[in-house]
């Protein structure tokens, strides 16, 4: 479950929902589930903090994430956004309490969301 760190309320709305739905139609259920399963596996392996854009690595070739790129017609910007929304949904669907935000490393903005465990 995702919690708004400022209000303490559960987040239930998917961002960029229309774009997500359009891209989701372009990826098979099997490929989508493989992405969800891989994300959950990685979260289980490190149940504290995750930055979405750092999860898949730079080269998605021959990974479960590659169908996302194909679903977005090989547009890297769209694929990154689609991936980010999938990550958001995976954290929303988890039983633990998580929150998210935008942060910096070495005084530079991180381009994607960082998720962190709360309520322990």
PDB file of N, CA and C in Angstrom:
ATOM      1  N   UNK A   1       0.846  -1.167   0.000  1.00  0.00           N
ATOM      2  CA  UNK A   1       0.000   0.000   0.000  1.00  0.00           C
ATOM      3  C   UNK A   1       0.891   1.229   0.000  1.00  0.00           C
ATOM      4  N   UNK A   2       0.453   2.237  -0.710  1.00  0.00           N
ATOM      5  CA  UNK A   2       1.180   3.503  -0.767  1.00  0.00           C
ATOM      6  C   UNK A   2       0.487   4.531   0.116  1.00  0.00           C
ATOM      7  N   UNK A   3       1.282   5.215   0.905  1.00  0.00           N
ATOM      8  CA  UNK A   3       0.774   6.225   1.828  1.00  0.00           C
ATOM      9  C   UNK A   3       1.387   7.574   1.462  1.00  0.00           C
ATOM     10  N   UNK A   4       0.555   8.604   1.403  1.00  0.00           N
ATOM     11  CA  UNK A   4       1.067   9.959   1.219  1.00  0.00           C
ATOM     12  C   UNK A   4       1.757  10.359   2.517  1.00  0.00           C
ATOM     13  N   UNK A   5       3.043  10.606   2.453  1.00  0.00           N
ATOM     14  CA  UNK A   5       3.835  10.877   3.656  1.00  0.00           C
ATOM     15  C   UNK A   5       3.390  12.157   4.361  1.00  0.00           C
ATOM     16  N   UNK A   6       2.837  13.108   3.613  1.00  0.00           N
ATOM     17  CA  UNK A   6       2.415  14.381   4.205  1.00  0.00           C
ATOM     18  C   UNK A   6       1.054  14.298   4.880  1.00  0.00           C
ATOM     19  N   UNK A   7       0.135  13.531   4.291  1.00  0.00           N
ATOM     20  CA  UNK A   7      -1.227  13.469   4.822  1.00  0.00           C
ATOM     21  C   UNK A   7      -1.519  12.189   5.597  1.00  0.00           C
ATOM     22  N   UNK A   8      -0.720  11.151   5.361  1.00  0.00           N
ATOM     23  CA  UNK A   8      -0.981   9.862   5.994  1.00  0.00           C
ATOM     24  C   UNK A   8      -2.091   9.077   5.328  1.00  0.00           C
ATOM     25  N   UNK A   9      -2.622   9.593   4.218  1.00  0.00           N
ATOM     26  CA  UNK A   9      -3.727   8.919   3.528  1.00  0.00           C
ATOM     27  C   UNK A   9      -3.201   7.909   2.510  1.00  0.00           C
ATOM     28  N   UNK A  10      -3.989   6.857   2.321  1.00  0.00           N
ATOM     29  CA  UNK A  10      -3.657   5.826   1.339  1.00  0.00           C
ATOM     30  C   UNK A  10      -3.839   6.395  -0.068  1.00  0.00           C
ATOM     31  N   UNK A  11      -2.874   6.135  -0.930  1.00  0.00           N
ATOM     32  CA  UNK A  11      -2.940   6.570  -2.326  1.00  0.00           C
ATOM     33  C   UNK A  11      -3.622   5.470  -3.130  1.00  0.00           C
ATOM     34  N   UNK A  12      -4.684   5.833  -3.839  1.00  0.00           N
ATOM     35  CA  UNK A  12      -5.446   4.834  -4.596  1.00  0.00           C
ATOM     36  C   UNK A  12      -5.568   5.166  -6.078  1.00  0.00           C
ATOM     37  N   UNK A  13      -5.139   6.346  -6.484  1.00  0.00           N
ATOM     38  CA  UNK A  13      -5.264   6.755  -7.889  1.00  0.00           C
ATOM     39  C   UNK A  13      -3.978   6.479  -8.649  1.00  0.00           C
ATOM     40  N   UNK A  14      -4.127   5.897  -9.822  1.00  0.00           N
ATOM     41  CA  UNK A  14      -2.987   5.613 -10.688  1.00  0.00           C
ATOM     42  C   UNK A  14      -2.664   6.867 -11.496  1.00  0.00           C
ATOM     43  N   UNK A  15      -1.420   7.330 -11.463  1.00  0.00           N
ATOM     44  CA  UNK A  15      -1.062   8.512 -12.258  1.00  0.00           C
ATOM     45  C   UNK A  15      -1.027   8.181 -13.749  1.00  0.00           C
ATOM     46  N   UNK A  16      -1.316   9.160 -14.571  1.00  0.00           N
ATOM     47  CA  UNK A  16      -1.267   9.001 -16.040  1.00  0.00           C
ATOM     48  C   UNK A  16      -2.071   7.775 -16.490  1.00  0.00           C
ATOM     49  N   UNK A  17      -3.256   7.630 -15.922  1.00  0.00           N
ATOM     50  CA  UNK A  17      -4.033   6.412 -16.125  1.00  0.00           C
ATOM     51  C   UNK A  17      -4.366   6.151 -17.592  1.00  0.00           C
ATOM     52  N   UNK A  18      -4.722   7.175 -18.351  1.00  0.00           N
ATOM     53  CA  UNK A  18      -5.077   6.957 -19.762  1.00  0.00           C
ATOM     54  C   UNK A  18      -3.883   6.455 -20.558  1.00  0.00           C
ATOM     55  N   UNK A  19      -2.723   7.039 -20.323  1.00  0.00           N
ATOM     56  CA  UNK A  19      -1.512   6.567 -21.002  1.00  0.00           C
ATOM     57  C   UNK A  19      -1.206   5.135 -20.585  1.00  0.00           C
ATOM     58  N   UNK A  20      -1.306   4.864 -19.281  1.00  0.00           N
ATOM     59  CA  UNK A  20      -1.061   3.508 -18.793  1.00  0.00           C
ATOM     60  C   UNK A  20      -1.979   2.510 -19.486  1.00  0.00           C
ATOM     61  N   UNK A  21      -3.256   2.815 -19.551  1.00  0.00           N
ATOM     62  CA  UNK A  21      -4.215   1.888 -20.163  1.00  0.00           C
ATOM     63  C   UNK A  21      -3.901   1.645 -21.636  1.00  0.00           C
ATOM     64  N   UNK A  22      -3.487   2.682 -22.353  1.00  0.00           N
ATOM     65  CA  UNK A  22      -3.135   2.520 -23.768  1.00  0.00           C
ATOM     66  C   UNK A  22      -1.911   1.620 -23.917  1.00  0.00           C
ATOM     67  N   UNK A  23      -0.889   1.847 -23.115  1.00  0.00           N
ATOM     68  CA  UNK A  23       0.315   1.014 -23.193  1.00  0.00           C
ATOM     69  C   UNK A  23       0.024  -0.403 -22.725  1.00  0.00           C
ATOM     70  N   UNK A  24      -0.815  -0.529 -21.695  1.00  0.00           N
ATOM     71  CA  UNK A  24      -1.121  -1.858 -21.141  1.00  0.00           C
ATOM     72  C   UNK A  24      -1.753  -2.751 -22.201  1.00  0.00           C
ATOM     73  N   UNK A  25      -2.522  -2.172 -23.102  1.00  0.00           N
ATOM     74  CA  UNK A  25      -3.153  -2.946 -24.181  1.00  0.00           C
ATOM     75  C   UNK A  25      -2.127  -3.498 -25.162  1.00  0.00           C
ATOM     76  N   UNK A  26      -0.932  -2.924 -25.153  1.00  0.00           N
ATOM     77  CA  UNK A  26       0.104  -3.317 -26.113  1.00  0.00           C
ATOM     78  C   UNK A  26       1.059  -4.392 -25.575  1.00  0.00           C
ATOM     79  N   UNK A  27       0.855  -4.816 -24.352  1.00  0.00           N
ATOM     80  CA  UNK A  27       1.731  -5.828 -23.750  1.00  0.00           C
ATOM     81  C   UNK A  27       0.871  -7.010 -23.315  1.00  0.00           C
ATOM     82  N   UNK A  28       1.347  -8.219 -23.559  1.00  0.00           N
ATOM     83  CA  UNK A  28       0.554  -9.401 -23.213  1.00  0.00           C
ATOM     84  C   UNK A  28       0.410  -9.524 -21.699  1.00  0.00           C
ATOM     85  N   UNK A  29      -0.619 -10.234 -21.283  1.00  0.00           N
ATOM     86  CA  UNK A  29      -0.821 -10.476 -19.853  1.00  0.00           C
ATOM     87  C   UNK A  29       0.377 -11.206 -19.252  1.00  0.00           C
ATOM     88  N   UNK A  30       0.934 -12.147 -20.015  1.00  0.00           N
ATOM     89  CA  UNK A  30       2.076 -12.923 -19.537  1.00  0.00           C
ATOM     90  C   UNK A  30       3.302 -12.030 -19.331  1.00  0.00           C
ATOM     91  N   UNK A  31       3.570 -11.160 -20.311  1.00  0.00           N
ATOM     92  CA  UNK A  31       4.722 -10.265 -20.189  1.00  0.00           C
ATOM     93  C   UNK A  31       4.523  -9.262 -19.056  1.00  0.00           C
ATOM     94  N   UNK A  32       3.307  -8.747 -18.927  1.00  0.00           N
ATOM     95  CA  UNK A  32       3.025  -7.802 -17.845  1.00  0.00           C
ATOM     96  C   UNK A  32       3.218  -8.482 -16.490  1.00  0.00           C
ATOM     97  N   UNK A  33       2.686  -9.690 -16.354  1.00  0.00           N
ATOM     98  CA  UNK A  33       2.813 -10.413 -15.087  1.00  0.00           C
ATOM     99  C   UNK A  33       4.271 -10.727 -14.773  1.00  0.00           C
ATOM    100  N   UNK A  34       5.062 -11.018 -15.797  1.00  0.00           N
ATOM    101  CA  UNK A  34       6.493 -11.278 -15.582  1.00  0.00           C
ATOM    102  C   UNK A  34       7.184 -10.039 -15.010  1.00  0.00           C
ATOM    103  N   UNK A  35       6.804  -8.863 -15.489  1.00  0.00           N
ATOM    104  CA  UNK A  35       7.355  -7.611 -14.955  1.00  0.00           C
ATOM    105  C   UNK A  35       6.945  -7.445 -13.493  1.00  0.00           C
ATOM    106  N   UNK A  36       5.671  -7.627 -13.205  1.00  0.00           N
ATOM    107  CA  UNK A  36       5.166  -7.496 -11.832  1.00  0.00           C
ATOM    108  C   UNK A  36       5.874  -8.484 -10.908  1.00  0.00           C
ATOM    109  N   UNK A  37       6.012  -9.725 -11.361  1.00  0.00           N
ATOM    110  CA  UNK A  37       6.676 -10.743 -10.539  1.00  0.00           C
ATOM    111  C   UNK A  37       8.133 -10.380 -10.261  1.00  0.00           C
ATOM    112  N   UNK A  38       8.829  -9.896 -11.288  1.00  0.00           N
ATOM    113  CA  UNK A  38      10.232  -9.505 -11.110  1.00  0.00           C
ATOM    114  C   UNK A  38      10.353  -8.323 -10.149  1.00  0.00           C
ATOM    115  N   UNK A  39       9.466  -7.357 -10.275  1.00  0.00           N
ATOM    116  CA  UNK A  39       9.493  -6.215  -9.354  1.00  0.00           C
ATOM    117  C   UNK A  39       9.254  -6.667  -7.916  1.00  0.00           C
ATOM    118  N   UNK A  40       8.261  -7.515  -7.713  1.00  0.00           N
ATOM    119  CA  UNK A  40       7.990  -8.007  -6.360  1.00  0.00           C
ATOM    120  C   UNK A  40       9.170  -8.794  -5.807  1.00  0.00           C
ATOM    121  N   UNK A  41       9.813  -9.574  -6.649  1.00  0.00           N
ATOM    122  CA  UNK A  41      10.998 -10.327  -6.223  1.00  0.00           C
ATOM    123  C   UNK A  41      12.097  -9.375  -5.755  1.00  0.00           C
ATOM    124  N   UNK A  42      12.340  -8.333  -6.522  1.00  0.00           N
ATOM    125  CA  UNK A  42      13.397  -7.381  -6.160  1.00  0.00           C
ATOM    126  C   UNK A  42      13.044  -6.596  -4.902  1.00  0.00           C
ATOM    127  N   UNK A  43      11.782  -6.266  -4.745  1.00  0.00           N
ATOM    128  CA  UNK A  43      11.348  -5.565  -3.526  1.00  0.00           C
ATOM    129  C   UNK A  43      11.509  -6.481  -2.320  1.00  0.00           C
ATOM    130  N   UNK A  44      11.146  -7.749  -2.481  1.00  0.00           N
ATOM    131  CA  UNK A  44      11.299  -8.707  -1.386  1.00  0.00           C
ATOM    132  C   UNK A  44      12.764  -8.874  -0.980  1.00  0.00           C
ATOM    133  N   UNK A  45      13.665  -8.800  -1.962  1.00  0.00           N
ATOM    134  CA  UNK A  45      15.096  -8.959  -1.684  1.00  0.00           C
ATOM    135  C   UNK A  45      15.676  -7.758  -0.938  1.00  0.00           C
ATOM    136  N   UNK A  46      15.088  -6.591  -1.118  1.00  0.00           N
ATOM    137  CA  UNK A  46      15.544  -5.369  -0.448  1.00  0.00           C
ATOM    138  C   UNK A  46      14.308  -4.597   0.008  1.00  0.00           C
ATOM    139  N   UNK A  47      13.751  -4.956   1.147  1.00  0.00           N
ATOM    140  CA  UNK A  47      12.458  -4.395   1.557  1.00  0.00           C
ATOM    141  C   UNK A  47      12.511  -3.033   2.238  1.00  0.00           C
ATOM    142  N   UNK A  48      13.443  -2.161   1.852  1.00  0.00           N
ATOM    143  CA  UNK A  48      13.552  -0.865   2.514  1.00  0.00           C
ATOM    144  C   UNK A  48      13.369   0.324   1.577  1.00  0.00           C
ATOM    145  N   UNK A  49      14.197   0.416   0.517  1.00  0.00           N
ATOM    146  CA  UNK A  49      14.194   1.585  -0.372  1.00  0.00           C
ATOM    147  C   UNK A  49      14.448   1.138  -1.807  1.00  0.00           C
ATOM    148  N   UNK A  50      13.705   1.735  -2.742  1.00  0.00           N
ATOM    149  CA  UNK A  50      13.908   1.470  -4.175  1.00  0.00           C
ATOM    150  C   UNK A  50      13.680   2.748  -4.962  1.00  0.00           C
ATOM    151  N   UNK A  51      14.560   3.016  -5.913  1.00  0.00           N
ATOM    152  CA  UNK A  51      14.365   4.104  -6.861  1.00  0.00           C
ATOM    153  C   UNK A  51      13.966   3.465  -8.182  1.00  0.00           C
ATOM    154  N   UNK A  52      12.796   3.821  -8.674  1.00  0.00           N
ATOM    155  CA  UNK A  52      12.196   3.130  -9.820  1.00  0.00           C
ATOM    156  C   UNK A  52      13.137   3.022 -11.014  1.00  0.00           C
ATOM    157  N   UNK A  53      13.745   4.115 -11.400  1.00  0.00           N
ATOM    158  CA  UNK A  53      14.581   4.109 -12.594  1.00  0.00           C
ATOM    159  C   UNK A  53      15.851   3.297 -12.475  1.00  0.00           C
ATOM    160  N   UNK A  54      16.238   2.952 -11.265  1.00  0.00           N
ATOM    161  CA  UNK A  54      17.456   2.171 -11.059  1.00  0.00           C
ATOM    162  C   UNK A  54      17.179   0.672 -11.055  1.00  0.00           C
ATOM    163  N   UNK A  55      15.930   0.281 -10.971  1.00  0.00           N
ATOM    164  CA  UNK A  55      15.580  -1.136 -10.875  1.00  0.00           C
ATOM    165  C   UNK A  55      15.925  -1.911 -12.147  1.00  0.00           C
ATOM    166  N   UNK A  56      15.518  -1.430 -13.328  1.00  0.00           N
ATOM    167  CA  UNK A  56      15.713  -2.276 -14.512  1.00  0.00           C
ATOM    168  C   UNK A  56      17.102  -2.202 -15.130  1.00  0.00           C
ATOM    169  N   UNK A  57      17.897  -1.223 -14.751  1.00  0.00           N
ATOM    170  CA  UNK A  57      19.175  -1.031 -15.418  1.00  0.00           C
ATOM    171  C   UNK A  57      18.982  -0.275 -16.723  1.00  0.00           C
ATOM    172  N   UNK A  58      20.073   0.039 -17.381  1.00  0.00           N
ATOM    173  CA  UNK A  58      20.015   0.871 -18.588  1.00  0.00           C
ATOM    174  C   UNK A  58      19.601   0.079 -19.828  1.00  0.00           C
ATOM    175  N   UNK A  59      20.094  -1.130 -19.967  1.00  0.00           N
ATOM    176  CA  UNK A  59      19.814  -1.947 -21.153  1.00  0.00           C
ATOM    177  C   UNK A  59      18.788  -3.021 -20.806  1.00  0.00           C
ATOM    178  N   UNK A  60      17.604  -2.912 -21.374  1.00  0.00           N
ATOM    179  CA  UNK A  60      16.519  -3.844 -21.073  1.00  0.00           C
ATOM    180  C   UNK A  60      16.520  -5.068 -21.989  1.00  0.00           C
ATOM    181  N   UNK A  61      17.426  -5.117 -22.943  1.00  0.00           N
ATOM    182  CA  UNK A  61      17.489  -6.230 -23.887  1.00  0.00           C
ATOM    183  C   UNK A  61      17.593  -7.556 -23.141  1.00  0.00           C
ATOM    184  N   UNK A  62      16.791  -8.523 -23.578  1.00  0.00           N
ATOM    185  CA  UNK A  62      16.775  -9.873 -22.999  1.00  0.00           C
ATOM    186  C   UNK A  62      16.441  -9.883 -21.504  1.00  0.00           C
ATOM    187  N   UNK A  63      15.622  -8.923 -21.076  1.00  0.00           N
ATOM    188  CA  UNK A  63      15.114  -8.925 -19.700  1.00  0.00           C
ATOM    189  C   UNK A  63      13.586  -8.954 -19.755  1.00  0.00           C
ATOM    190  N   UNK A  64      12.968  -9.187 -18.624  1.00  0.00           N
ATOM    191  CA  UNK A  64      11.501  -9.166 -18.574  1.00  0.00           C
ATOM    192  C   UNK A  64      10.952  -7.774 -18.860  1.00  0.00           C
ATOM    193  N   UNK A  65      11.807  -6.752 -18.781  1.00  0.00           N
ATOM    194  CA  UNK A  65      11.361  -5.376 -18.992  1.00  0.00           C
ATOM    195  C   UNK A  65      11.301  -4.975 -20.466  1.00  0.00           C
ATOM    196  N   UNK A  66      11.947  -5.737 -21.335  1.00  0.00           N
ATOM    197  CA  UNK A  66      12.012  -5.379 -22.758  1.00  0.00           C
ATOM    198  C   UNK A  66      10.632  -5.236 -23.409  1.00  0.00           C
ATOM    199  N   UNK A  67       9.638  -6.089 -23.094  1.00  0.00           N
ATOM    200  CA  UNK A  67       8.309  -5.909 -23.695  1.00  0.00           C
ATOM    201  C   UNK A  67       7.674  -4.546 -23.390  1.00  0.00           C
ATOM    202  N   UNK A  68       8.073  -3.902 -22.305  1.00  0.00           N
ATOM    203  CA  UNK A  68       7.584  -2.549 -22.015  1.00  0.00           C
ATOM    204  C   UNK A  68       8.049  -1.603 -23.115  1.00  0.00           C
ATOM    205  N   UNK A  69       9.301  -1.707 -23.476  1.00  0.00           N
ATOM    206  CA  UNK A  69       9.898  -0.893 -24.539  1.00  0.00           C
ATOM    207  C   UNK A  69       9.175  -1.137 -25.863  1.00  0.00           C
ATOM    208  N   UNK A  70       8.893  -2.394 -26.163  1.00  0.00           N
ATOM    209  CA  UNK A  70       8.176  -2.722 -27.401  1.00  0.00           C
ATOM    210  C   UNK A  70       6.745  -2.190 -27.365  1.00  0.00           C
ATOM    211  N   UNK A  71       6.089  -2.294 -26.213  1.00  0.00           N
ATOM    212  CA  UNK A  71       4.712  -1.804 -26.072  1.00  0.00           C
ATOM    213  C   UNK A  71       4.632  -0.300 -26.302  1.00  0.00           C
ATOM    214  N   UNK A  72       5.732   0.386 -26.046  1.00  0.00           N
ATOM    215  CA  UNK A  72       5.792   1.841 -26.227  1.00  0.00           C
ATOM    216  C   UNK A  72       6.420   2.213 -27.565  1.00  0.00           C
ATOM    217  N   UNK A  73       6.400   1.270 -28.496  1.00  0.00           N
ATOM    218  CA  UNK A  73       6.926   1.491 -29.854  1.00  0.00           C
ATOM    219  C   UNK A  73       8.376   1.967 -29.844  1.00  0.00           C
ATOM    220  N   UNK A  74       9.154   1.398 -28.925  1.00  0.00           N
ATOM    221  CA  UNK A  74      10.591   1.671 -28.795  1.00  0.00           C
ATOM    222  C   UNK A  74      10.906   3.132 -28.469  1.00  0.00           C
ATOM    223  N   UNK A  75       9.971   3.796 -27.819  1.00  0.00           N
ATOM    224  CA  UNK A  75      10.186   5.169 -27.353  1.00  0.00           C
ATOM    225  C   UNK A  75      10.670   5.095 -25.902  1.00  0.00           C
ATOM    226  N   UNK A  76      11.908   5.489 -25.672  1.00  0.00           N
ATOM    227  CA  UNK A  76      12.483   5.333 -24.336  1.00  0.00           C
ATOM    228  C   UNK A  76      11.790   6.186 -23.276  1.00  0.00           C
ATOM    229  N   UNK A  77      11.346   7.371 -23.650  1.00  0.00           N
ATOM    230  CA  UNK A  77      10.652   8.237 -22.688  1.00  0.00           C
ATOM    231  C   UNK A  77       9.330   7.618 -22.264  1.00  0.00           C
ATOM    232  N   UNK A  78       8.564   7.132 -23.238  1.00  0.00           N
ATOM    233  CA  UNK A  78       7.283   6.484 -22.926  1.00  0.00           C
ATOM    234  C   UNK A  78       7.504   5.205 -22.129  1.00  0.00           C
ATOM    235  N   UNK A  79       8.518   4.435 -22.505  1.00  0.00           N
ATOM    236  CA  UNK A  79       8.804   3.186 -21.795  1.00  0.00           C
ATOM    237  C   UNK A  79       9.167   3.461 -20.337  1.00  0.00           C
ATOM    238  N   UNK A  80       9.935   4.517 -20.111  1.00  0.00           N
ATOM    239  CA  UNK A  80      10.300   4.872 -18.736  1.00  0.00           C
ATOM    240  C   UNK A  80       9.068   5.264 -17.925  1.00  0.00           C
ATOM    241  N   UNK A  81       8.165   6.026 -18.529  1.00  0.00           N
ATOM    242  CA  UNK A  81       6.945   6.428 -17.831  1.00  0.00           C
ATOM    243  C   UNK A  81       6.048   5.220 -17.563  1.00  0.00           C
ATOM    244  N   UNK A  82       5.883   4.358 -18.564  1.00  0.00           N
ATOM    245  CA  UNK A  82       5.072   3.149 -18.397  1.00  0.00           C
ATOM    246  C   UNK A  82       5.661   2.284 -17.282  1.00  0.00           C
ATOM    247  N   UNK A  83       6.969   2.089 -17.317  1.00  0.00           N
ATOM    248  CA  UNK A  83       7.627   1.314 -16.271  1.00  0.00           C
ATOM    249  C   UNK A  83       7.382   1.947 -14.899  1.00  0.00           C
ATOM    250  N   UNK A  84       7.534   3.255 -14.814  1.00  0.00           N
ATOM    251  CA  UNK A  84       7.320   3.943 -13.545  1.00  0.00           C
ATOM    252  C   UNK A  84       5.912   3.768 -13.003  1.00  0.00           C
ATOM    253  N   UNK A  85       4.941   3.761 -13.895  1.00  0.00           N
ATOM    254  CA  UNK A  85       3.554   3.554 -13.455  1.00  0.00           C
ATOM    255  C   UNK A  85       3.366   2.122 -12.966  1.00  0.00           C
ATOM    256  N   UNK A  86       3.977   1.163 -13.656  1.00  0.00           N
ATOM    257  CA  UNK A  86       3.887  -0.233 -13.207  1.00  0.00           C
ATOM    258  C   UNK A  86       4.493  -0.363 -11.812  1.00  0.00           C
ATOM    259  N   UNK A  87       5.647   0.246 -11.600  1.00  0.00           N
ATOM    260  CA  UNK A  87       6.277   0.214 -10.275  1.00  0.00           C
ATOM    261  C   UNK A  87       5.328   0.809  -9.233  1.00  0.00           C
ATOM    262  N   UNK A  88       4.721   1.940  -9.549  1.00  0.00           N
ATOM    263  CA  UNK A  88       3.772   2.601  -8.658  1.00  0.00           C
ATOM    264  C   UNK A  88       2.644   1.631  -8.278  1.00  0.00           C
ATOM    265  N   UNK A  89       2.079   0.958  -9.273  1.00  0.00           N
ATOM    266  CA  UNK A  89       0.976   0.021  -9.033  1.00  0.00           C
ATOM    267  C   UNK A  89       1.436  -1.152  -8.172  1.00  0.00           C
ATOM    268  N   UNK A  90       2.627  -1.665  -8.446  1.00  0.00           N
ATOM    269  CA  UNK A  90       3.145  -2.780  -7.648  1.00  0.00           C
ATOM    270  C   UNK A  90       3.253  -2.370  -6.181  1.00  0.00           C
ATOM    271  N   UNK A  91       3.779  -1.189  -5.915  1.00  0.00           N
ATOM    272  CA  UNK A  91       3.868  -0.732  -4.521  1.00  0.00           C
ATOM    273  C   UNK A  91       2.482  -0.483  -3.931  1.00  0.00           C
ATOM    274  N   UNK A  92       1.552   0.018  -4.732  1.00  0.00           N
ATOM    275  CA  UNK A  92       0.171   0.218  -4.259  1.00  0.00           C
ATOM    276  C   UNK A  92      -0.452  -1.105  -3.825  1.00  0.00           C
ATOM    277  N   UNK A  93      -0.119  -2.171  -4.549  1.00  0.00           N
ATOM    278  CA  UNK A  93      -0.738  -3.474  -4.308  1.00  0.00           C
ATOM    279  C   UNK A  93      -0.053  -4.298  -3.216  1.00  0.00           C
ATOM    280  N   UNK A  94       1.068  -3.848  -2.729  1.00  0.00           N
ATOM    281  CA  UNK A  94       1.777  -4.620  -1.702  1.00  0.00           C
ATOM    282  C   UNK A  94       1.101  -4.447  -0.337  1.00  0.00           C
ATOM    283  N   UNK A  95       1.237  -5.446   0.545  1.00  0.00           N
ATOM    284  CA  UNK A  95       0.585  -5.344   1.854  1.00  0.00           C
ATOM    285  C   UNK A  95       1.291  -4.386   2.819  1.00  0.00           C
ATOM    286  N   UNK A  96       2.604  -4.181   2.639  1.00  0.00           N
ATOM    287  CA  UNK A  96       3.338  -3.299   3.550  1.00  0.00           C
ATOM    288  C   UNK A  96       3.017  -1.840   3.230  1.00  0.00           C
ATOM    289  N   UNK A  97       3.342  -0.983   4.174  1.00  0.00           N
ATOM    290  CA  UNK A  97       3.156   0.455   3.969  1.00  0.00           C
ATOM    291  C   UNK A  97       4.424   1.050   3.366  1.00  0.00           C
ATOM    292  N   UNK A  98       4.242   1.726   2.224  1.00  0.00           N
ATOM    293  CA  UNK A  98       5.331   2.393   1.518  1.00  0.00           C
ATOM    294  C   UNK A  98       4.917   3.829   1.245  1.00  0.00           C
ATOM    295  N   UNK A  99       5.904   4.688   1.110  1.00  0.00           N
ATOM    296  CA  UNK A  99       5.653   6.039   0.645  1.00  0.00           C
ATOM    297  C   UNK A  99       6.643   6.332  -0.470  1.00  0.00           C
ATOM    298  N   UNK A 100       6.565   7.522  -1.038  1.00  0.00           N
ATOM    299  CA  UNK A 100       7.402   7.839  -2.181  1.00  0.00           C
ATOM    300  C   UNK A 100       7.687   9.323  -2.229  1.00  0.00           C
ATOM    301  N   UNK A 101       8.703   9.657  -2.983  1.00  0.00           N
ATOM    302  CA  UNK A 101       9.045  11.057  -3.167  1.00  0.00           C
ATOM    303  C   UNK A 101      10.144  11.207  -4.194  1.00  0.00           C
ATOM    304  N   UNK A 102      10.434  12.468  -4.492  1.00  0.00           N
ATOM    305  CA  UNK A 102      11.529  12.792  -5.421  1.00  0.00           C
ATOM    306  C   UNK A 102      12.687  13.333  -4.589  1.00  0.00           C
ATOM    307  N   UNK A 103      13.858  12.807  -4.858  1.00  0.00           N
ATOM    308  CA  UNK A 103      15.020  13.148  -4.047  1.00  0.00           C
ATOM    309  C   UNK A 103      16.222  13.467  -4.927  1.00  0.00           C
ATOM    310  N   UNK A 104      17.332  13.774  -4.270  1.00  0.00           N
ATOM    311  CA  UNK A 104      18.569  14.123  -4.967  1.00  0.00           C
ATOM    312  C   UNK A 104      19.698  13.195  -4.539  1.00  0.00           C
ATOM    313  N   UNK A 105      20.666  13.068  -5.442  1.00  0.00           N
ATOM    314  CA  UNK A 105      21.933  12.415  -5.143  1.00  0.00           C
ATOM    315  C   UNK A 105      23.019  13.368  -5.615  1.00  0.00           C
ATOM    316  N   UNK A 106      23.944  13.700  -4.739  1.00  0.00           N
ATOM    317  CA  UNK A 106      25.029  14.634  -5.078  1.00  0.00           C
ATOM    318  C   UNK A 106      24.489  15.942  -5.654  1.00  0.00           C
ATOM    319  N   UNK A 107      23.449  16.468  -5.024  1.00  0.00           N
ATOM    320  CA  UNK A 107      22.826  17.737  -5.424  1.00  0.00           C
ATOM    321  C   UNK A 107      22.193  17.707  -6.812  1.00  0.00           C
ATOM    322  N   UNK A 108      21.925  16.521  -7.345  1.00  0.00           N
ATOM    323  CA  UNK A 108      21.252  16.394  -8.640  1.00  0.00           C
ATOM    324  C   UNK A 108      19.948  15.632  -8.435  1.00  0.00           C
ATOM    325  N   UNK A 109      18.891  16.130  -9.078  1.00  0.00           N
ATOM    326  CA  UNK A 109      17.594  15.475  -8.965  1.00  0.00           C
ATOM    327  C   UNK A 109      17.639  14.080  -9.567  1.00  0.00           C
ATOM    328  N   UNK A 110      17.043  13.132  -8.868  1.00  0.00           N
ATOM    329  CA  UNK A 110      16.857  11.787  -9.410  1.00  0.00           C
ATOM    330  C   UNK A 110      15.619  11.857 -10.295  1.00  0.00           C
ATOM    331  N   UNK A 111      15.719  11.348 -11.500  1.00  0.00           N
ATOM    332  CA  UNK A 111      14.638  11.487 -12.480  1.00  0.00           C
ATOM    333  C   UNK A 111      13.389  10.693 -12.123  1.00  0.00           C
ATOM    334  N   UNK A 112      13.523   9.652 -11.349  1.00  0.00           N
ATOM    335  CA  UNK A 112      12.364   8.808 -11.054  1.00  0.00           C
ATOM    336  C   UNK A 112      12.041   8.816  -9.560  1.00  0.00           C
ATOM    337  N   UNK A 113      10.915   8.231  -9.240  1.00  0.00           N
ATOM    338  CA  UNK A 113      10.443   8.186  -7.856  1.00  0.00           C
ATOM    339  C   UNK A 113      11.271   7.226  -7.014  1.00  0.00           C
ATOM    340  N   UNK A 114      11.435   7.599  -5.754  1.00  0.00           N
ATOM    341  CA  UNK A 114      12.052   6.716  -4.776  1.00  0.00           C
ATOM    342  C   UNK A 114      10.968   6.284  -3.796  1.00  0.00           C
ATOM    343  N   UNK A 115      10.903   4.988  -3.560  1.00  0.00           N
ATOM    344  CA  UNK A 115       9.911   4.392  -2.661  1.00  0.00           C
ATOM    345  C   UNK A 115      10.632   3.919  -1.405  1.00  0.00           C
ATOM    346  N   UNK A 116      10.012   4.151  -0.249  1.00  0.00           N
ATOM    347  CA  UNK A 116      10.629   3.743   1.000  1.00  0.00           C
ATOM    348  C   UNK A 116       9.571   3.195   1.940  1.00  0.00           C
ATOM    349  N   UNK A 117       9.988   2.224   2.725  1.00  0.00           N
ATOM    350  CA  UNK A 117       9.095   1.530   3.644  1.00  0.00           C
ATOM    351  C   UNK A 117       8.844   2.396   4.870  1.00  0.00           C
ATOM    352  N   UNK A 118       7.593   2.446   5.307  1.00  0.00           N
ATOM    353  CA  UNK A 118       7.218   3.194   6.511  1.00  0.00           C
ATOM    354  C   UNK A 118       6.386   2.289   7.411  1.00  0.00           C
ATOM    355  N   UNK A 119       6.056   2.781   8.580  1.00  0.00           N
ATOM    356  CA  UNK A 119       5.120   2.086   9.462  1.00  0.00           C
ATOM    357  C   UNK A 119       5.625   0.773  10.010  1.00  0.00           C
ATOM    358  N   UNK A 120       6.919   0.702  10.251  1.00  0.00           N
ATOM    359  CA  UNK A 120       7.476  -0.542  10.801  1.00  0.00           C
ATOM    360  C   UNK A 120       7.449  -0.514  12.294  1.00  0.00           C
TER     361      UNK A 120
END
